[in-house]
Amino acid sequence: TFPAGAFAASAKVTHTYRYGESMPAPGGKRVGIGHFFEVTAVNSSSGQTLPLAPGKTFALAVGYAPAELGAAGESSLALYSWNGAQWVKEPSSQVNSSTHAVTASPNHLSWWAVLGDVNTQVYLPLLMKRR
């Protein structure tokens, strides 16, 4: 959702889902859950790329199914943007495990991904000792 005045001119905003395309690997202990997409804006008249106006943010929400988590820990999910060299966590990103949604209020358009830390929980067997 974009607020009034988010762009300096009338804009056409495009959301392009990047499923199945070659996306940069998250690296380290992070994994993707299959949600990679790009948000862009162009001037409705000229077709020139438009950035967000200074000081403006927009509301971004991405739903997910628990079955999509794979090795990612649900509580660690966040939105990350690609800065040209690496995935950077969006500071305003929050996960709601009750509604299965990741939300943020970023101040820039970019490639985006829902990433999470690899769930490293280890379950050990419980043994009972007789006395």
N, C-alpha and C. Protein backbone atom coordinates (compact mmCIF):
# COMPACT_ATOMS: atom_id res chain seq x y z
N THR A 1 0.85 -1.17 0.00
CA THR A 1 0.00 0.00 0.00
C THR A 1 0.89 1.24 0.00
N PHE A 2 0.62 2.15 -0.93
CA PHE A 2 1.40 3.38 -1.04
C PHE A 2 0.55 4.56 -0.62
N PRO A 3 1.07 5.44 0.24
CA PRO A 3 0.31 6.62 0.67
C PRO A 3 0.31 7.69 -0.42
N ALA A 4 -0.61 8.63 -0.29
CA ALA A 4 -0.63 9.78 -1.20
C ALA A 4 0.70 10.51 -1.09
N GLY A 5 1.22 10.96 -2.23
CA GLY A 5 2.48 11.68 -2.24
C GLY A 5 3.71 10.79 -2.19
N ALA A 6 3.53 9.48 -2.33
CA ALA A 6 4.67 8.55 -2.27
C ALA A 6 5.62 8.75 -3.45
N PHE A 7 5.10 9.29 -4.55
CA PHE A 7 5.92 9.51 -5.74
C PHE A 7 5.75 10.95 -6.20
N ALA A 8 6.76 11.47 -6.90
CA ALA A 8 6.74 12.86 -7.37
C ALA A 8 5.78 13.06 -8.54
N ALA A 9 5.34 11.98 -9.17
CA ALA A 9 4.42 12.05 -10.31
C ALA A 9 3.48 10.85 -10.24
N SER A 10 2.50 10.83 -11.13
CA SER A 10 1.60 9.69 -11.21
C SER A 10 2.43 8.45 -11.56
N ALA A 11 2.26 7.38 -10.79
CA ALA A 11 3.12 6.22 -10.94
C ALA A 11 2.34 4.94 -11.22
N LYS A 12 3.01 4.06 -11.95
CA LYS A 12 2.51 2.70 -12.16
C LYS A 12 3.46 1.79 -11.37
N VAL A 13 2.92 1.11 -10.35
CA VAL A 13 3.73 0.24 -9.49
C VAL A 13 3.55 -1.19 -9.97
N THR A 14 4.67 -1.92 -10.03
CA THR A 14 4.65 -3.31 -10.49
C THR A 14 5.27 -4.22 -9.45
N HIS A 15 4.58 -5.31 -9.18
CA HIS A 15 5.08 -6.36 -8.29
C HIS A 15 5.35 -7.57 -9.17
N THR A 16 6.60 -8.02 -9.23
CA THR A 16 6.98 -9.15 -10.06
C THR A 16 7.48 -10.27 -9.18
N TYR A 17 6.73 -11.36 -9.16
CA TYR A 17 7.12 -12.53 -8.39
C TYR A 17 8.28 -13.21 -9.08
N ARG A 18 9.31 -13.57 -8.36
CA ARG A 18 10.52 -14.13 -8.94
C ARG A 18 10.67 -15.61 -8.64
N TYR A 19 9.57 -16.34 -8.57
CA TYR A 19 9.63 -17.77 -8.28
C TYR A 19 10.33 -18.52 -9.40
N GLY A 20 11.26 -19.37 -9.03
CA GLY A 20 11.93 -20.21 -10.00
C GLY A 20 13.08 -19.55 -10.72
N GLU A 21 13.23 -18.24 -10.57
CA GLU A 21 14.36 -17.57 -11.22
C GLU A 21 15.59 -17.68 -10.33
N SER A 22 16.72 -17.51 -10.91
CA SER A 22 17.97 -17.58 -10.16
C SER A 22 18.10 -16.31 -9.32
N MET A 23 17.99 -16.46 -8.02
CA MET A 23 18.12 -15.33 -7.11
C MET A 23 19.38 -15.53 -6.28
N PRO A 24 20.02 -14.46 -5.85
CA PRO A 24 21.21 -14.60 -5.02
C PRO A 24 20.90 -15.38 -3.75
N ALA A 25 21.77 -16.31 -3.40
CA ALA A 25 21.57 -17.11 -2.19
C ALA A 25 21.71 -16.21 -0.96
N PRO A 26 20.90 -16.47 0.08
CA PRO A 26 20.97 -15.66 1.29
C PRO A 26 22.33 -15.76 1.98
N GLY A 27 22.93 -16.93 1.97
CA GLY A 27 24.22 -17.12 2.61
C GLY A 27 24.14 -17.20 4.11
N GLY A 28 25.23 -17.64 4.71
CA GLY A 28 25.30 -17.76 6.17
C GLY A 28 24.26 -18.74 6.69
N LYS A 29 23.64 -18.38 7.77
CA LYS A 29 22.66 -19.26 8.41
C LYS A 29 21.23 -18.97 7.95
N ARG A 30 21.06 -18.15 6.91
CA ARG A 30 19.73 -17.78 6.44
C ARG A 30 19.31 -18.63 5.24
N VAL A 31 18.01 -18.89 5.16
CA VAL A 31 17.43 -19.61 4.03
C VAL A 31 16.17 -18.88 3.58
N GLY A 32 15.86 -19.02 2.30
CA GLY A 32 14.63 -18.45 1.76
C GLY A 32 13.48 -19.43 1.91
N ILE A 33 12.27 -18.91 1.89
CA ILE A 33 11.09 -19.78 1.95
C ILE A 33 10.32 -19.73 0.63
N GLY A 34 10.96 -19.26 -0.43
CA GLY A 34 10.35 -19.25 -1.76
C GLY A 34 9.64 -17.97 -2.14
N HIS A 35 9.73 -16.94 -1.32
CA HIS A 35 9.08 -15.66 -1.62
C HIS A 35 10.14 -14.64 -2.03
N PHE A 36 10.39 -14.54 -3.34
CA PHE A 36 11.31 -13.57 -3.91
C PHE A 36 10.52 -12.74 -4.90
N PHE A 37 10.59 -11.42 -4.80
CA PHE A 37 9.81 -10.56 -5.70
C PHE A 37 10.47 -9.19 -5.81
N GLU A 38 10.07 -8.47 -6.85
CA GLU A 38 10.59 -7.13 -7.07
C GLU A 38 9.43 -6.14 -7.10
N VAL A 39 9.62 -4.99 -6.47
CA VAL A 39 8.64 -3.91 -6.50
C VAL A 39 9.30 -2.73 -7.19
N THR A 40 8.69 -2.27 -8.30
CA THR A 40 9.22 -1.14 -9.06
C THR A 40 8.11 -0.14 -9.32
N ALA A 41 8.50 1.08 -9.70
CA ALA A 41 7.53 2.11 -10.06
C ALA A 41 8.08 2.92 -11.23
N VAL A 42 7.19 3.25 -12.15
CA VAL A 42 7.57 4.10 -13.28
C VAL A 42 6.56 5.23 -13.42
N ASN A 43 7.01 6.32 -13.99
CA ASN A 43 6.14 7.46 -14.28
C ASN A 43 5.09 7.00 -15.28
N SER A 44 3.82 7.23 -14.97
CA SER A 44 2.72 6.79 -15.83
C SER A 44 2.79 7.39 -17.23
N SER A 45 3.33 8.59 -17.36
CA SER A 45 3.41 9.26 -18.65
C SER A 45 4.68 8.93 -19.43
N SER A 46 5.83 9.03 -18.77
CA SER A 46 7.10 8.89 -19.48
C SER A 46 7.69 7.48 -19.43
N GLY A 47 7.27 6.68 -18.47
CA GLY A 47 7.84 5.34 -18.32
C GLY A 47 9.18 5.34 -17.60
N GLN A 48 9.64 6.51 -17.14
CA GLN A 48 10.91 6.60 -16.42
C GLN A 48 10.75 6.03 -15.00
N THR A 49 11.79 5.38 -14.51
CA THR A 49 11.78 4.82 -13.16
C THR A 49 11.58 5.92 -12.13
N LEU A 50 10.74 5.65 -11.14
CA LEU A 50 10.48 6.61 -10.07
C LEU A 50 10.88 6.01 -8.72
N PRO A 51 11.66 6.74 -7.94
CA PRO A 51 11.93 6.31 -6.56
C PRO A 51 10.81 6.81 -5.65
N LEU A 52 10.75 6.31 -4.44
CA LEU A 52 9.83 6.87 -3.46
C LEU A 52 10.28 8.28 -3.12
N ALA A 53 9.33 9.15 -2.82
CA ALA A 53 9.65 10.51 -2.41
C ALA A 53 10.41 10.48 -1.08
N PRO A 54 11.32 11.41 -0.86
CA PRO A 54 12.07 11.44 0.41
C PRO A 54 11.14 11.47 1.62
N GLY A 55 11.46 10.66 2.60
CA GLY A 55 10.67 10.60 3.83
C GLY A 55 9.42 9.75 3.75
N LYS A 56 9.13 9.15 2.61
CA LYS A 56 7.93 8.33 2.45
C LYS A 56 8.26 6.85 2.62
N THR A 57 7.30 6.12 3.13
CA THR A 57 7.39 4.67 3.25
C THR A 57 6.11 4.07 2.66
N PHE A 58 6.12 2.78 2.46
CA PHE A 58 4.91 2.10 2.01
C PHE A 58 4.73 0.83 2.84
N ALA A 59 3.52 0.31 2.87
CA ALA A 59 3.22 -0.89 3.65
C ALA A 59 3.38 -2.12 2.77
N LEU A 60 4.16 -3.06 3.23
CA LEU A 60 4.44 -4.29 2.50
C LEU A 60 4.07 -5.46 3.40
N ALA A 61 3.24 -6.37 2.90
CA ALA A 61 2.83 -7.55 3.67
C ALA A 61 2.93 -8.78 2.78
N VAL A 62 3.54 -9.83 3.30
CA VAL A 62 3.70 -11.08 2.56
C VAL A 62 3.20 -12.22 3.45
N GLY A 63 2.19 -12.93 2.94
CA GLY A 63 1.69 -14.09 3.66
C GLY A 63 2.49 -15.33 3.30
N TYR A 64 2.49 -16.29 4.18
CA TYR A 64 3.18 -17.55 3.93
C TYR A 64 2.40 -18.68 4.60
N ALA A 65 2.62 -19.88 4.14
CA ALA A 65 2.02 -21.07 4.75
C ALA A 65 3.08 -21.75 5.61
N PRO A 66 2.71 -22.29 6.76
CA PRO A 66 3.69 -22.98 7.61
C PRO A 66 4.46 -24.07 6.86
N ALA A 67 3.83 -24.70 5.89
CA ALA A 67 4.49 -25.76 5.13
C ALA A 67 5.64 -25.23 4.28
N GLU A 68 5.68 -23.92 4.03
CA GLU A 68 6.74 -23.31 3.21
C GLU A 68 8.03 -23.06 4.00
N LEU A 69 7.97 -23.18 5.31
CA LEU A 69 9.10 -22.81 6.15
C LEU A 69 10.34 -23.66 5.93
N GLY A 70 10.17 -24.92 5.63
CA GLY A 70 11.33 -25.78 5.46
C GLY A 70 12.23 -25.72 6.67
N ALA A 71 13.51 -25.37 6.46
CA ALA A 71 14.48 -25.31 7.55
C ALA A 71 14.46 -23.98 8.29
N ALA A 72 13.66 -23.01 7.83
CA ALA A 72 13.64 -21.69 8.46
C ALA A 72 12.80 -21.70 9.74
N GLY A 73 13.33 -21.07 10.76
CA GLY A 73 12.57 -20.90 12.01
C GLY A 73 11.57 -19.78 11.83
N GLU A 74 10.30 -20.04 12.12
CA GLU A 74 9.23 -19.07 11.87
C GLU A 74 9.47 -17.74 12.59
N SER A 75 9.92 -17.79 13.83
CA SER A 75 10.10 -16.54 14.59
C SER A 75 11.23 -15.67 14.04
N SER A 76 12.09 -16.24 13.20
CA SER A 76 13.21 -15.46 12.65
C SER A 76 12.90 -14.87 11.28
N LEU A 77 11.72 -15.13 10.72
CA LEU A 77 11.38 -14.62 9.38
C LEU A 77 11.41 -13.09 9.35
N ALA A 78 11.88 -12.56 8.23
CA ALA A 78 11.91 -11.11 8.04
C ALA A 78 12.00 -10.82 6.55
N LEU A 79 11.67 -9.59 6.19
CA LEU A 79 11.85 -9.13 4.81
C LEU A 79 13.25 -8.60 4.64
N TYR A 80 13.88 -8.98 3.54
CA TYR A 80 15.23 -8.54 3.21
C TYR A 80 15.19 -7.94 1.81
N SER A 81 15.98 -6.89 1.59
CA SER A 81 16.11 -6.30 0.26
C SER A 81 17.51 -6.57 -0.27
N TRP A 82 17.62 -6.61 -1.60
CA TRP A 82 18.91 -6.85 -2.25
C TRP A 82 19.57 -5.51 -2.54
N ASN A 83 20.77 -5.29 -2.01
CA ASN A 83 21.46 -4.00 -2.22
C ASN A 83 22.48 -4.06 -3.36
N GLY A 84 22.47 -5.13 -4.14
CA GLY A 84 23.41 -5.28 -5.24
C GLY A 84 24.55 -6.21 -4.90
N ALA A 85 24.77 -6.43 -3.61
CA ALA A 85 25.86 -7.31 -3.17
C ALA A 85 25.41 -8.34 -2.15
N GLN A 86 24.36 -8.01 -1.38
CA GLN A 86 23.90 -8.93 -0.34
C GLN A 86 22.46 -8.60 0.06
N TRP A 87 21.83 -9.56 0.76
CA TRP A 87 20.50 -9.35 1.31
C TRP A 87 20.64 -8.59 2.62
N VAL A 88 19.85 -7.51 2.78
CA VAL A 88 19.90 -6.66 3.96
C VAL A 88 18.53 -6.68 4.63
N LYS A 89 18.52 -6.98 5.92
CA LYS A 89 17.25 -7.05 6.66
C LYS A 89 16.61 -5.67 6.73
N GLU A 90 15.32 -5.62 6.42
CA GLU A 90 14.54 -4.38 6.52
C GLU A 90 14.29 -4.13 8.01
N PRO A 91 14.77 -2.98 8.55
CA PRO A 91 14.64 -2.72 9.99
C PRO A 91 13.21 -2.74 10.52
N SER A 92 12.24 -2.38 9.70
CA SER A 92 10.86 -2.33 10.17
C SER A 92 10.13 -3.67 10.06
N SER A 93 10.82 -4.70 9.59
CA SER A 93 10.20 -6.01 9.36
C SER A 93 9.75 -6.67 10.65
N GLN A 94 8.55 -7.27 10.60
CA GLN A 94 8.00 -8.01 11.74
C GLN A 94 7.29 -9.25 11.21
N VAL A 95 7.32 -10.32 12.00
CA VAL A 95 6.60 -11.53 11.63
C VAL A 95 5.47 -11.74 12.65
N ASN A 96 4.31 -12.15 12.13
CA ASN A 96 3.17 -12.48 12.98
C ASN A 96 2.87 -13.95 12.73
N SER A 97 3.28 -14.82 13.67
CA SER A 97 3.10 -16.25 13.48
C SER A 97 1.64 -16.68 13.61
N SER A 98 0.79 -15.84 14.19
CA SER A 98 -0.64 -16.16 14.29
C SER A 98 -1.35 -16.01 12.95
N THR A 99 -0.99 -14.95 12.21
CA THR A 99 -1.62 -14.70 10.91
C THR A 99 -0.77 -15.20 9.74
N HIS A 100 0.44 -15.69 10.05
CA HIS A 100 1.38 -16.18 9.03
C HIS A 100 1.65 -15.10 7.99
N ALA A 101 2.14 -13.95 8.48
CA ALA A 101 2.46 -12.83 7.60
C ALA A 101 3.72 -12.11 8.10
N VAL A 102 4.49 -11.62 7.14
CA VAL A 102 5.66 -10.78 7.44
C VAL A 102 5.32 -9.40 6.88
N THR A 103 5.47 -8.37 7.70
CA THR A 103 5.12 -7.01 7.29
C THR A 103 6.31 -6.08 7.49
N ALA A 104 6.29 -4.97 6.77
CA ALA A 104 7.33 -3.95 6.91
C ALA A 104 6.83 -2.64 6.33
N SER A 105 7.56 -1.56 6.64
CA SER A 105 7.28 -0.23 6.09
C SER A 105 8.58 0.32 5.51
N PRO A 106 9.03 -0.23 4.38
CA PRO A 106 10.30 0.22 3.80
C PRO A 106 10.20 1.60 3.15
N ASN A 107 11.36 2.22 2.96
CA ASN A 107 11.42 3.54 2.33
C ASN A 107 12.09 3.49 0.95
N HIS A 108 12.14 2.30 0.35
CA HIS A 108 12.74 2.16 -0.98
C HIS A 108 12.13 0.96 -1.70
N LEU A 109 12.22 1.00 -3.03
CA LEU A 109 11.76 -0.10 -3.86
C LEU A 109 12.96 -0.99 -4.17
N SER A 110 12.72 -2.28 -4.34
CA SER A 110 13.86 -3.18 -4.47
C SER A 110 13.39 -4.57 -4.86
N TRP A 111 14.37 -5.49 -4.94
CA TRP A 111 14.09 -6.91 -4.91
C TRP A 111 13.92 -7.24 -3.45
N TRP A 112 12.96 -8.10 -3.15
CA TRP A 112 12.66 -8.47 -1.76
C TRP A 112 12.63 -9.99 -1.62
N ALA A 113 12.88 -10.44 -0.42
CA ALA A 113 12.82 -11.87 -0.10
C ALA A 113 12.39 -12.03 1.34
N VAL A 114 11.63 -13.10 1.59
CA VAL A 114 11.33 -13.49 2.97
C VAL A 114 12.37 -14.55 3.32
N LEU A 115 13.23 -14.21 4.27
CA LEU A 115 14.29 -15.11 4.70
C LEU A 115 14.15 -15.39 6.20
N GLY A 116 14.71 -16.50 6.62
CA GLY A 116 14.72 -16.85 8.03
C GLY A 116 16.00 -17.57 8.38
N ASP A 117 16.30 -17.60 9.65
CA ASP A 117 17.48 -18.32 10.12
C ASP A 117 17.17 -19.81 10.13
N VAL A 118 18.19 -20.61 9.84
CA VAL A 118 18.03 -22.06 9.87
C VAL A 118 17.68 -22.47 11.29
N ASN A 119 16.61 -23.24 11.40
CA ASN A 119 16.16 -23.74 12.70
C ASN A 119 17.14 -24.79 13.17
N THR A 120 17.85 -24.51 14.25
CA THR A 120 18.87 -25.43 14.74
C THR A 120 18.48 -26.11 16.04
N GLN A 121 17.20 -26.26 16.27
CA GLN A 121 16.76 -26.95 17.48
C GLN A 121 17.16 -28.42 17.40
N VAL A 122 17.67 -28.90 18.49
CA VAL A 122 18.06 -30.30 18.57
C VAL A 122 17.21 -30.94 19.66
N TYR A 123 16.59 -32.05 19.33
CA TYR A 123 15.76 -32.77 20.29
C TYR A 123 16.50 -34.01 20.74
N LEU A 124 16.74 -34.11 22.02
CA LEU A 124 17.44 -35.25 22.58
C LEU A 124 16.44 -36.19 23.23
N PRO A 125 16.72 -37.47 23.18
CA PRO A 125 15.79 -38.43 23.80
C PRO A 125 15.84 -38.30 25.32
N LEU A 126 14.73 -38.55 25.93
CA LEU A 126 14.63 -38.53 27.38
C LEU A 126 14.74 -39.97 27.86
N LEU A 127 15.69 -40.21 28.74
CA LEU A 127 15.88 -41.56 29.28
C LEU A 127 15.53 -41.56 30.75
N MET A 128 14.82 -42.57 31.16
CA MET A 128 14.44 -42.72 32.56
C MET A 128 15.36 -43.76 33.18
N LYS A 129 15.89 -43.45 34.34
CA LYS A 129 16.78 -44.39 35.04
C LYS A 129 16.01 -44.98 36.22
N ARG A 130 16.06 -46.31 36.31
CA ARG A 130 15.39 -46.96 37.45
C ARG A 130 16.32 -46.94 38.63
N ARG A 131 15.73 -46.79 39.77
CA ARG A 131 16.52 -46.80 40.99
C ARG A 131 16.45 -48.13 41.66
